[in-house]
Amino acid sequence: MKAEIHPDYHDITYVMSDGSKFQTRSTMGKAGDVIQLDVDRKTHPAWIGGTGALKKTGRMERFSNQFGDLNFGAKKDEEKK
């Protein structure tokens, strides 16, 4: 690597909303910094109960509900099988 063109890459500690910690390397902050997270996988509404399952809402679901019985490119003989 060329000197003086890359950011400093150092160890930092993240503290989750439940108090658990993990250490990683980052260019954020300074070496030894502690970053307190207010929103993480255990508190963010996109995850349900921390399992990582996202709610199914949006264009694809609405399309499937409206046009779910269409078979694009399927031949008539294959549909009967």
N, C-alpha and C. Protein backbone atom coordinates (compact mmCIF):
# COMPACT_ATOMS: atom_id res chain seq x y z
N MET A 1 0.84 -1.19 0.00
CA MET A 1 0.00 0.00 0.00
C MET A 1 0.88 1.25 0.00
N LYS A 2 0.41 2.26 -0.68
CA LYS A 2 1.12 3.53 -0.68
C LYS A 2 0.91 4.22 0.67
N ALA A 3 1.95 4.84 1.15
CA ALA A 3 1.86 5.55 2.43
C ALA A 3 1.06 6.84 2.28
N GLU A 4 0.33 7.19 3.32
CA GLU A 4 -0.38 8.46 3.47
C GLU A 4 -1.60 8.63 2.56
N ILE A 5 -2.07 7.58 1.86
CA ILE A 5 -3.28 7.75 1.06
C ILE A 5 -4.45 6.93 1.61
N HIS A 6 -4.19 6.02 2.54
CA HIS A 6 -5.22 5.17 3.11
C HIS A 6 -5.59 5.64 4.51
N PRO A 7 -6.87 5.53 4.89
CA PRO A 7 -7.25 5.92 6.25
C PRO A 7 -6.69 4.93 7.27
N ASP A 8 -6.59 5.38 8.51
CA ASP A 8 -6.10 4.53 9.60
C ASP A 8 -7.11 3.43 9.89
N TYR A 9 -6.66 2.18 9.91
CA TYR A 9 -7.51 1.01 10.14
C TYR A 9 -7.15 0.46 11.51
N HIS A 10 -8.08 0.52 12.47
CA HIS A 10 -7.75 0.22 13.86
C HIS A 10 -8.90 -0.53 14.55
N ASP A 11 -8.65 -0.99 15.78
CA ASP A 11 -9.66 -1.71 16.57
C ASP A 11 -10.59 -0.73 17.27
N ILE A 12 -11.91 -1.03 17.20
CA ILE A 12 -12.92 -0.29 17.96
C ILE A 12 -13.88 -1.29 18.59
N THR A 13 -14.63 -0.84 19.57
CA THR A 13 -15.59 -1.71 20.26
C THR A 13 -16.99 -1.15 20.06
N TYR A 14 -17.91 -2.03 19.67
CA TYR A 14 -19.33 -1.67 19.56
C TYR A 14 -20.06 -2.23 20.76
N VAL A 15 -20.93 -1.43 21.38
CA VAL A 15 -21.77 -1.86 22.50
C VAL A 15 -23.21 -1.85 22.01
N MET A 16 -23.84 -3.03 22.02
CA MET A 16 -25.21 -3.17 21.55
C MET A 16 -26.18 -2.59 22.58
N SER A 17 -27.45 -2.46 22.20
CA SER A 17 -28.43 -1.87 23.10
C SER A 17 -28.66 -2.70 24.36
N ASP A 18 -28.40 -4.02 24.30
CA ASP A 18 -28.57 -4.86 25.50
C ASP A 18 -27.31 -4.92 26.37
N GLY A 19 -26.25 -4.21 25.97
CA GLY A 19 -25.03 -4.16 26.76
C GLY A 19 -23.95 -5.12 26.28
N SER A 20 -24.28 -6.04 25.39
CA SER A 20 -23.25 -6.94 24.86
C SER A 20 -22.29 -6.16 23.98
N LYS A 21 -21.06 -6.63 23.89
CA LYS A 21 -20.01 -5.91 23.16
C LYS A 21 -19.36 -6.82 22.14
N PHE A 22 -18.86 -6.23 21.08
CA PHE A 22 -17.99 -6.95 20.17
C PHE A 22 -16.96 -5.98 19.61
N GLN A 23 -15.80 -6.53 19.30
CA GLN A 23 -14.70 -5.72 18.82
C GLN A 23 -14.46 -6.04 17.36
N THR A 24 -14.19 -5.01 16.59
CA THR A 24 -13.93 -5.16 15.16
C THR A 24 -12.92 -4.11 14.73
N ARG A 25 -12.52 -4.20 13.48
CA ARG A 25 -11.60 -3.20 12.94
C ARG A 25 -12.38 -2.27 12.02
N SER A 26 -12.01 -0.98 12.06
CA SER A 26 -12.75 0.01 11.29
C SER A 26 -11.87 1.22 11.02
N THR A 27 -12.30 2.04 10.08
CA THR A 27 -11.65 3.32 9.84
C THR A 27 -12.38 4.44 10.59
N MET A 28 -13.47 4.09 11.27
CA MET A 28 -14.27 5.07 12.00
C MET A 28 -13.63 5.42 13.34
N GLY A 29 -13.64 6.67 13.69
CA GLY A 29 -13.14 7.10 15.00
C GLY A 29 -11.64 6.93 15.14
N LYS A 30 -11.21 6.73 16.40
CA LYS A 30 -9.80 6.54 16.70
C LYS A 30 -9.61 5.16 17.32
N ALA A 31 -8.38 4.71 17.38
CA ALA A 31 -8.07 3.41 17.98
C ALA A 31 -8.57 3.38 19.42
N GLY A 32 -9.29 2.31 19.77
CA GLY A 32 -9.80 2.14 21.13
C GLY A 32 -11.14 2.79 21.40
N ASP A 33 -11.72 3.48 20.44
CA ASP A 33 -13.03 4.11 20.64
C ASP A 33 -14.11 3.07 20.92
N VAL A 34 -15.11 3.48 21.70
CA VAL A 34 -16.27 2.65 22.00
C VAL A 34 -17.49 3.33 21.38
N ILE A 35 -18.24 2.58 20.56
CA ILE A 35 -19.41 3.13 19.90
C ILE A 35 -20.65 2.47 20.48
N GLN A 36 -21.52 3.27 21.08
CA GLN A 36 -22.76 2.79 21.69
C GLN A 36 -23.86 2.82 20.64
N LEU A 37 -24.47 1.66 20.35
CA LEU A 37 -25.55 1.59 19.37
C LEU A 37 -26.89 1.72 20.06
N ASP A 38 -27.73 2.62 19.58
CA ASP A 38 -29.07 2.79 20.11
C ASP A 38 -30.05 1.86 19.40
N VAL A 39 -29.76 1.54 18.14
CA VAL A 39 -30.62 0.67 17.34
C VAL A 39 -29.77 -0.47 16.81
N ASP A 40 -30.17 -1.69 17.06
CA ASP A 40 -29.48 -2.86 16.53
C ASP A 40 -30.50 -3.94 16.21
N ARG A 41 -30.04 -5.14 15.90
CA ARG A 41 -30.96 -6.19 15.46
C ARG A 41 -31.94 -6.63 16.54
N LYS A 42 -31.68 -6.30 17.78
CA LYS A 42 -32.60 -6.68 18.86
C LYS A 42 -33.66 -5.62 19.13
N THR A 43 -33.47 -4.40 18.63
CA THR A 43 -34.43 -3.33 18.90
C THR A 43 -35.06 -2.74 17.65
N HIS A 44 -34.50 -2.97 16.48
CA HIS A 44 -35.01 -2.35 15.26
C HIS A 44 -36.31 -3.01 14.82
N PRO A 45 -37.32 -2.24 14.43
CA PRO A 45 -38.62 -2.81 14.07
C PRO A 45 -38.61 -3.67 12.81
N ALA A 46 -37.56 -3.59 11.99
CA ALA A 46 -37.51 -4.43 10.79
C ALA A 46 -37.34 -5.90 11.14
N TRP A 47 -36.77 -6.20 12.30
CA TRP A 47 -36.61 -7.57 12.74
C TRP A 47 -37.68 -7.89 13.77
N ILE A 48 -38.20 -9.06 13.74
CA ILE A 48 -39.25 -9.47 14.67
C ILE A 48 -38.61 -10.39 15.70
N GLY A 49 -38.51 -9.92 16.92
CA GLY A 49 -37.96 -10.72 17.99
C GLY A 49 -36.49 -11.07 17.83
N GLY A 50 -35.76 -10.32 17.01
CA GLY A 50 -34.34 -10.58 16.83
C GLY A 50 -34.03 -11.78 15.95
N THR A 51 -35.03 -12.34 15.28
CA THR A 51 -34.79 -13.52 14.46
C THR A 51 -34.31 -13.17 13.07
N GLY A 52 -34.43 -11.93 12.66
CA GLY A 52 -34.01 -11.52 11.33
C GLY A 52 -35.08 -11.71 10.28
N ALA A 53 -36.28 -12.10 10.66
CA ALA A 53 -37.37 -12.27 9.70
C ALA A 53 -38.00 -10.91 9.41
N LEU A 54 -37.97 -10.51 8.17
CA LEU A 54 -38.54 -9.22 7.80
C LEU A 54 -40.02 -9.38 7.48
N LYS A 55 -40.78 -8.36 7.73
CA LYS A 55 -42.20 -8.38 7.39
C LYS A 55 -42.35 -8.36 5.88
N LYS A 56 -43.31 -9.13 5.36
CA LYS A 56 -43.54 -9.17 3.92
C LYS A 56 -44.59 -8.14 3.54
N THR A 57 -44.13 -7.01 3.09
CA THR A 57 -45.03 -5.99 2.56
C THR A 57 -44.31 -5.33 1.40
N GLY A 58 -45.07 -4.87 0.44
CA GLY A 58 -44.44 -4.16 -0.65
C GLY A 58 -44.99 -4.55 -2.00
N ARG A 59 -44.32 -4.08 -3.02
CA ARG A 59 -44.80 -4.25 -4.38
C ARG A 59 -44.88 -5.71 -4.81
N MET A 60 -43.88 -6.51 -4.51
CA MET A 60 -43.89 -7.90 -4.96
C MET A 60 -45.04 -8.69 -4.34
N GLU A 61 -45.31 -8.45 -3.08
CA GLU A 61 -46.42 -9.16 -2.44
C GLU A 61 -47.76 -8.72 -3.04
N ARG A 62 -47.92 -7.42 -3.26
CA ARG A 62 -49.16 -6.93 -3.87
C ARG A 62 -49.32 -7.50 -5.28
N PHE A 63 -48.22 -7.57 -6.05
CA PHE A 63 -48.28 -8.14 -7.39
C PHE A 63 -48.67 -9.61 -7.33
N SER A 64 -48.06 -10.36 -6.43
CA SER A 64 -48.38 -11.79 -6.29
C SER A 64 -49.83 -12.00 -5.88
N ASN A 65 -50.35 -11.15 -5.01
CA ASN A 65 -51.74 -11.27 -4.60
C ASN A 65 -52.70 -11.00 -5.76
N GLN A 66 -52.33 -10.05 -6.61
CA GLN A 66 -53.20 -9.66 -7.70
C GLN A 66 -53.06 -10.57 -8.92
N PHE A 67 -51.84 -11.00 -9.23
CA PHE A 67 -51.59 -11.74 -10.45
C PHE A 67 -50.95 -13.10 -10.18
N GLY A 68 -51.11 -13.66 -9.02
CA GLY A 68 -50.44 -14.90 -8.64
C GLY A 68 -50.80 -16.10 -9.47
N ASP A 69 -51.95 -16.12 -10.13
CA ASP A 69 -52.37 -17.29 -10.88
C ASP A 69 -51.87 -17.27 -12.33
N LEU A 70 -51.09 -16.29 -12.72
CA LEU A 70 -50.57 -16.22 -14.09
C LEU A 70 -49.35 -17.13 -14.23
N ASN A 71 -49.25 -17.83 -15.34
CA ASN A 71 -48.08 -18.65 -15.64
C ASN A 71 -47.43 -18.10 -16.89
N PHE A 72 -46.43 -17.29 -16.72
CA PHE A 72 -45.75 -16.69 -17.86
C PHE A 72 -44.85 -17.72 -18.53
N GLY A 73 -45.06 -17.94 -19.81
CA GLY A 73 -44.20 -18.84 -20.57
C GLY A 73 -44.54 -20.31 -20.43
N ALA A 74 -45.51 -20.69 -19.63
CA ALA A 74 -45.88 -22.10 -19.47
C ALA A 74 -46.79 -22.51 -20.62
N LYS A 75 -46.54 -23.69 -21.14
CA LYS A 75 -47.39 -24.20 -22.22
C LYS A 75 -48.67 -24.78 -21.66
N LYS A 76 -49.70 -24.82 -22.45
CA LYS A 76 -51.01 -25.32 -22.02
C LYS A 76 -50.92 -26.77 -21.56
N ASP A 77 -50.12 -27.63 -22.25
CA ASP A 77 -49.99 -29.03 -21.90
C ASP A 77 -49.33 -29.19 -20.53
N GLU A 78 -48.34 -28.34 -20.21
CA GLU A 78 -47.63 -28.44 -18.95
C GLU A 78 -48.53 -28.03 -17.78
N GLU A 79 -49.45 -27.11 -18.02
CA GLU A 79 -50.35 -26.64 -16.97
C GLU A 79 -51.29 -27.73 -16.50
N LYS A 80 -51.69 -28.64 -17.41
CA LYS A 80 -52.65 -29.69 -17.09
C LYS A 80 -52.02 -30.82 -16.29
N LYS A 81 -50.70 -30.97 -16.35
CA LYS A 81 -50.02 -32.08 -15.66
C LYS A 81 -50.02 -31.93 -14.20
